[in-house]
Amino acid sequence: MSATMDVVVRTPHGDADIEIISAPDTTTLGDLLAGVTGQAPPAVARVGAHVGGRVVSTSSRLDAIGLH
């Protein structure tokens, strides 16, 4: 990951606005979710700026799903 990225993580318990300054290339969406929520990530999550987004596996690397 080469640039700072702003991310909003939405859960039934609330939203978290985070800024990622750096992350290893191997970081997955699940790693990000676990780090933010402190809980095991679900198998899939919605990603995208649009309402609903797209469903992706949380085992996907951040760069593979366009979060880089």
N, C-alpha and C. Protein backbone atom coordinates (compact mmCIF):
# COMPACT_ATOMS: atom_id res chain seq x y z
N MET A 1 0.85 -1.16 0.00
CA MET A 1 0.00 0.00 0.00
C MET A 1 0.90 1.23 0.00
N SER A 2 0.67 2.14 -0.94
CA SER A 2 1.61 3.23 -1.11
C SER A 2 1.09 4.59 -0.67
N ALA A 3 -0.20 4.76 -0.49
CA ALA A 3 -0.74 6.07 -0.13
C ALA A 3 -1.71 5.94 1.04
N THR A 4 -1.94 7.07 1.71
CA THR A 4 -2.91 7.10 2.79
C THR A 4 -4.30 6.86 2.23
N MET A 5 -5.11 6.11 2.98
CA MET A 5 -6.45 5.78 2.53
C MET A 5 -7.42 6.00 3.69
N ASP A 6 -8.53 6.67 3.40
CA ASP A 6 -9.60 6.85 4.38
C ASP A 6 -10.66 5.78 4.14
N VAL A 7 -11.09 5.14 5.21
CA VAL A 7 -12.05 4.05 5.13
C VAL A 7 -13.12 4.24 6.20
N VAL A 8 -14.35 3.94 5.86
CA VAL A 8 -15.43 3.92 6.84
C VAL A 8 -15.86 2.46 7.00
N VAL A 9 -15.80 1.96 8.23
CA VAL A 9 -16.27 0.61 8.53
C VAL A 9 -17.61 0.76 9.23
N ARG A 10 -18.64 0.19 8.62
CA ARG A 10 -19.99 0.26 9.18
C ARG A 10 -20.40 -1.11 9.71
N THR A 11 -20.86 -1.13 10.95
CA THR A 11 -21.36 -2.35 11.57
C THR A 11 -22.71 -2.04 12.21
N PRO A 12 -23.43 -3.06 12.63
CA PRO A 12 -24.69 -2.79 13.34
C PRO A 12 -24.50 -1.96 14.61
N HIS A 13 -23.26 -1.92 15.13
CA HIS A 13 -22.97 -1.21 16.37
C HIS A 13 -22.52 0.21 16.15
N GLY A 14 -22.32 0.61 14.89
CA GLY A 14 -21.89 1.98 14.61
C GLY A 14 -20.86 2.03 13.49
N ASP A 15 -20.41 3.24 13.21
CA ASP A 15 -19.43 3.49 12.15
C ASP A 15 -18.09 3.85 12.76
N ALA A 16 -17.03 3.47 12.04
CA ALA A 16 -15.68 3.86 12.42
C ALA A 16 -15.00 4.47 11.21
N ASP A 17 -14.57 5.72 11.31
CA ASP A 17 -13.81 6.39 10.27
C ASP A 17 -12.34 6.20 10.60
N ILE A 18 -11.62 5.55 9.70
CA ILE A 18 -10.21 5.28 9.97
C ILE A 18 -9.36 5.77 8.81
N GLU A 19 -8.10 6.04 9.11
CA GLU A 19 -7.12 6.42 8.10
C GLU A 19 -6.01 5.37 8.13
N ILE A 20 -5.77 4.75 6.99
CA ILE A 20 -4.71 3.76 6.90
C ILE A 20 -3.50 4.45 6.28
N ILE A 21 -2.43 4.50 7.04
CA ILE A 21 -1.21 5.16 6.57
C ILE A 21 -0.34 4.17 5.82
N SER A 22 -0.26 2.96 6.30
CA SER A 22 0.49 1.92 5.59
C SER A 22 -0.02 0.56 6.03
N ALA A 23 0.16 -0.41 5.14
CA ALA A 23 -0.23 -1.78 5.44
C ALA A 23 0.59 -2.69 4.53
N PRO A 24 0.98 -3.86 5.01
CA PRO A 24 1.72 -4.79 4.15
C PRO A 24 0.86 -5.19 2.93
N ASP A 25 1.51 -5.54 1.85
CA ASP A 25 0.81 -5.95 0.63
C ASP A 25 -0.09 -7.16 0.85
N THR A 26 0.18 -7.92 1.88
CA THR A 26 -0.59 -9.14 2.15
C THR A 26 -1.83 -8.89 3.00
N THR A 27 -2.08 -7.64 3.38
CA THR A 27 -3.22 -7.33 4.25
C THR A 27 -4.54 -7.62 3.55
N THR A 28 -5.42 -8.34 4.25
CA THR A 28 -6.73 -8.69 3.69
C THR A 28 -7.81 -7.78 4.27
N LEU A 29 -8.96 -7.81 3.65
CA LEU A 29 -10.10 -7.07 4.18
C LEU A 29 -10.44 -7.59 5.58
N GLY A 30 -10.32 -8.89 5.77
CA GLY A 30 -10.56 -9.47 7.09
C GLY A 30 -9.60 -8.95 8.14
N ASP A 31 -8.33 -8.77 7.77
CA ASP A 31 -7.34 -8.20 8.69
C ASP A 31 -7.78 -6.79 9.11
N LEU A 32 -8.21 -6.01 8.13
CA LEU A 32 -8.64 -4.65 8.40
C LEU A 32 -9.85 -4.65 9.34
N LEU A 33 -10.85 -5.47 9.02
CA LEU A 33 -12.06 -5.52 9.85
C LEU A 33 -11.76 -5.99 11.26
N ALA A 34 -10.93 -7.00 11.39
CA ALA A 34 -10.59 -7.51 12.72
C ALA A 34 -9.83 -6.45 13.53
N GLY A 35 -8.95 -5.73 12.86
CA GLY A 35 -8.20 -4.69 13.55
C GLY A 35 -9.08 -3.54 14.03
N VAL A 36 -10.10 -3.22 13.26
CA VAL A 36 -10.99 -2.12 13.62
C VAL A 36 -12.02 -2.53 14.67
N THR A 37 -12.61 -3.71 14.48
CA THR A 37 -13.71 -4.11 15.37
C THR A 37 -13.27 -4.93 16.58
N GLY A 38 -12.09 -5.55 16.49
CA GLY A 38 -11.66 -6.42 17.57
C GLY A 38 -12.37 -7.77 17.56
N GLN A 39 -13.12 -8.05 16.50
CA GLN A 39 -13.88 -9.28 16.37
C GLN A 39 -13.40 -10.06 15.15
N ALA A 40 -13.71 -11.34 15.12
CA ALA A 40 -13.41 -12.13 13.92
C ALA A 40 -14.26 -11.59 12.77
N PRO A 41 -13.68 -11.46 11.58
CA PRO A 41 -14.44 -10.92 10.46
C PRO A 41 -15.44 -11.93 9.91
N PRO A 42 -16.49 -11.44 9.28
CA PRO A 42 -17.42 -12.35 8.60
C PRO A 42 -16.74 -12.91 7.36
N ALA A 43 -17.34 -13.90 6.73
CA ALA A 43 -16.76 -14.49 5.52
C ALA A 43 -16.78 -13.53 4.34
N VAL A 44 -17.81 -12.68 4.28
CA VAL A 44 -17.93 -11.70 3.20
C VAL A 44 -18.33 -10.35 3.78
N ALA A 45 -18.07 -9.30 3.01
CA ALA A 45 -18.44 -7.94 3.42
C ALA A 45 -18.77 -7.12 2.18
N ARG A 46 -19.55 -6.08 2.37
CA ARG A 46 -19.87 -5.17 1.26
C ARG A 46 -18.80 -4.10 1.19
N VAL A 47 -18.33 -3.83 -0.03
CA VAL A 47 -17.30 -2.83 -0.26
C VAL A 47 -17.77 -1.89 -1.35
N GLY A 48 -17.59 -0.61 -1.14
CA GLY A 48 -17.92 0.36 -2.18
C GLY A 48 -18.57 1.60 -1.62
N ALA A 49 -18.43 2.68 -2.36
CA ALA A 49 -18.97 3.96 -1.93
C ALA A 49 -20.47 4.05 -2.17
N HIS A 50 -20.99 3.23 -3.03
CA HIS A 50 -22.41 3.30 -3.36
C HIS A 50 -23.22 2.48 -2.35
N VAL A 51 -24.46 2.86 -2.18
CA VAL A 51 -25.35 2.13 -1.26
C VAL A 51 -25.39 0.67 -1.69
N GLY A 52 -25.15 -0.20 -0.76
CA GLY A 52 -25.14 -1.63 -1.06
C GLY A 52 -23.76 -2.15 -1.41
N GLY A 53 -23.03 -1.41 -2.21
CA GLY A 53 -21.68 -1.83 -2.60
C GLY A 53 -21.68 -3.17 -3.30
N ARG A 54 -20.54 -3.83 -3.25
CA ARG A 54 -20.42 -5.17 -3.84
C ARG A 54 -19.92 -6.12 -2.76
N VAL A 55 -20.35 -7.34 -2.82
CA VAL A 55 -19.98 -8.33 -1.82
C VAL A 55 -18.66 -8.98 -2.24
N VAL A 56 -17.70 -8.99 -1.31
CA VAL A 56 -16.40 -9.61 -1.57
C VAL A 56 -16.01 -10.48 -0.38
N SER A 57 -15.15 -11.43 -0.64
CA SER A 57 -14.63 -12.28 0.42
C SER A 57 -13.69 -11.47 1.30
N THR A 58 -13.79 -11.64 2.61
CA THR A 58 -12.89 -10.92 3.50
C THR A 58 -11.48 -11.50 3.49
N SER A 59 -11.29 -12.62 2.78
CA SER A 59 -9.93 -13.15 2.63
C SER A 59 -9.20 -12.49 1.45
N SER A 60 -9.89 -11.60 0.73
CA SER A 60 -9.28 -10.89 -0.39
C SER A 60 -8.31 -9.84 0.11
N ARG A 61 -7.18 -9.73 -0.60
CA ARG A 61 -6.21 -8.68 -0.26
C ARG A 61 -6.79 -7.32 -0.62
N LEU A 62 -6.42 -6.30 0.14
CA LEU A 62 -6.95 -4.95 -0.09
C LEU A 62 -6.70 -4.47 -1.51
N ASP A 63 -5.51 -4.70 -2.04
CA ASP A 63 -5.22 -4.25 -3.40
C ASP A 63 -6.04 -4.99 -4.45
N ALA A 64 -6.40 -6.24 -4.18
CA ALA A 64 -7.17 -7.04 -5.14
C ALA A 64 -8.61 -6.57 -5.25
N ILE A 65 -9.12 -5.90 -4.21
CA ILE A 65 -10.49 -5.41 -4.26
C ILE A 65 -10.55 -3.90 -4.48
N GLY A 66 -9.42 -3.33 -4.82
CA GLY A 66 -9.39 -1.91 -5.16
C GLY A 66 -9.20 -0.97 -4.00
N LEU A 67 -8.82 -1.48 -2.84
CA LEU A 67 -8.53 -0.62 -1.68
C LEU A 67 -7.02 -0.53 -1.52
N HIS A 68 -6.45 0.42 -2.23
CA HIS A 68 -4.98 0.60 -2.14
C HIS A 68 -4.63 2.03 -2.34
